[in-house]
Protein backbone atom coordinates (compact mmCIF):
# COMPACT_ATOMS: atom_id res chain seq x y z
CA MET A 1 23.11 6.92 -4.35
CA ILE A 2 23.08 7.83 -8.27
CA LEU A 3 24.06 11.50 -7.50
CA GLY A 4 26.87 10.92 -5.21
CA HIS A 5 27.32 11.64 -1.41
CA ALA A 6 26.33 15.47 -0.74
CA PHE A 7 25.48 15.98 -4.55
CA PRO A 8 25.63 20.30 -4.55
CA PRO A 9 22.33 21.05 -6.37
CA VAL A 10 20.68 18.33 -4.05
CA VAL A 11 21.81 19.66 -0.49
CA GLU A 12 20.74 22.87 -2.01
CA ALA A 13 17.46 22.03 -2.82
CA SER A 14 16.59 19.52 0.35
CA SER A 15 18.16 22.59 2.94
CA GLY A 16 16.20 25.38 2.10
CA PRO A 17 13.30 27.36 3.37
CA ARG A 18 10.88 25.32 0.94
CA ALA A 19 12.70 21.79 2.04
CA ILE A 20 11.79 22.56 5.58
CA ARG A 21 8.42 23.28 5.24
CA GLN A 22 7.75 20.55 3.32
CA LEU A 23 9.01 18.59 5.76
CA ARG A 24 7.16 20.33 8.90
CA ARG A 25 3.84 19.36 6.95
CA LEU A 26 4.64 15.65 6.29
CA ASN A 27 5.17 15.72 9.83
CA GLY A 28 2.28 16.83 11.01
CA HIS A 29 -0.17 13.86 9.01
CA ARG A 30 2.24 11.57 10.62
CA GLY A 31 -0.57 10.89 13.26
CA GLU A 32 -2.88 10.48 10.83
CA LEU A 33 -0.82 8.14 8.79
CA ALA A 34 -0.28 6.04 12.00
CA GLU A 35 -4.14 5.70 12.87
CA ARG A 36 -4.77 4.34 9.25
CA ILE A 37 -2.38 2.05 9.16
CA VAL A 38 -3.57 1.12 12.57
CA SER A 39 -6.91 0.60 11.09
CA CYS A 40 -5.45 -1.76 8.81
CA PHE A 41 -3.74 -3.78 11.14
CA PRO A 42 -5.56 -4.07 14.22
CA ALA A 43 -3.19 -6.25 16.30
CA ILE A 44 -0.28 -3.23 16.25
CA GLU A 45 -0.26 -2.38 19.23
CA LYS A 46 2.81 0.63 18.66
CA LEU A 47 4.09 1.88 15.62
CA ARG A 48 7.24 3.48 14.96
CA PHE A 49 8.29 5.89 11.97
CA VAL A 50 12.14 5.50 11.05
CA SER A 51 14.22 7.46 8.76
CA SER A 52 16.53 4.51 7.53
CA GLY A 53 16.90 1.07 7.09
CA THR A 54 19.62 1.23 9.61
CA GLU A 55 16.91 3.00 11.85
CA ALA A 56 14.83 0.27 11.35
CA THR A 57 17.22 -2.72 11.58
CA MET A 58 18.06 -1.38 15.07
CA SER A 59 14.51 -1.03 16.31
CA ALA A 60 13.96 -4.87 15.16
CA ILE A 61 16.34 -5.94 16.93
CA ARG A 62 15.51 -4.16 20.04
CA VAL A 63 11.92 -5.22 19.90
CA ALA A 64 12.39 -8.99 19.08
CA ARG A 65 15.33 -9.32 22.24
CA ALA A 66 12.72 -7.67 24.39
CA ALA A 67 10.38 -10.01 23.25
CA THR A 68 11.75 -12.99 23.05
CA GLY A 69 14.77 -12.46 26.41
CA ARG A 70 16.93 -13.50 23.81
CA LYS A 71 20.51 -12.12 22.99
CA ILE A 72 21.47 -13.13 20.28
CA VAL A 73 20.14 -12.60 16.44
CA VAL A 74 20.58 -14.69 13.11
CA LYS A 75 21.74 -12.85 10.23
CA PHE A 76 21.76 -14.33 6.53
CA GLU A 77 24.47 -13.14 4.66
CA GLY A 78 23.12 -10.57 1.56
CA CYS A 79 19.90 -10.48 3.27
CA THR A 80 19.60 -6.91 3.94
CA THR A 81 20.82 -3.61 3.34
CA ALA A 82 20.83 -1.91 6.63
CA MET A 83 24.76 -2.03 7.86
CA PRO A 84 24.39 -0.60 11.58
CA MET A 85 27.99 -0.70 12.99
CA GLY A 86 28.82 -3.26 15.22
CA CYS A 87 25.54 -4.94 14.94
CA TRP A 88 26.69 -7.38 12.18
CA SER A 89 29.78 -8.72 13.58
CA ARG A 90 31.39 -11.72 11.25
CA PRO A 91 32.56 -14.77 12.80
CA VAL A 92 35.95 -15.31 12.18
CA PRO A 93 35.85 -19.27 10.89
CA VAL A 94 38.03 -21.59 13.23
């Protein structure tokens, strides 16, 4: 966040028609990219593109819980930049 939140020139550049065309073009290539990734890692059964670290973290937690049947997830302090609300509650010392 070098430029700060909602820096006007960045917002203007990323919300115009040109930015929308570029986003559509990138989205159109997701299938090709997915095929290339799977060809490099054949064990991949499902692939999901996400927009943020938070979204990736939440997806990983859902997959881990579904695969293991466990509800508890251990998080080591200082090891993630993604901070989903309510996901990383800190225990209160007794």
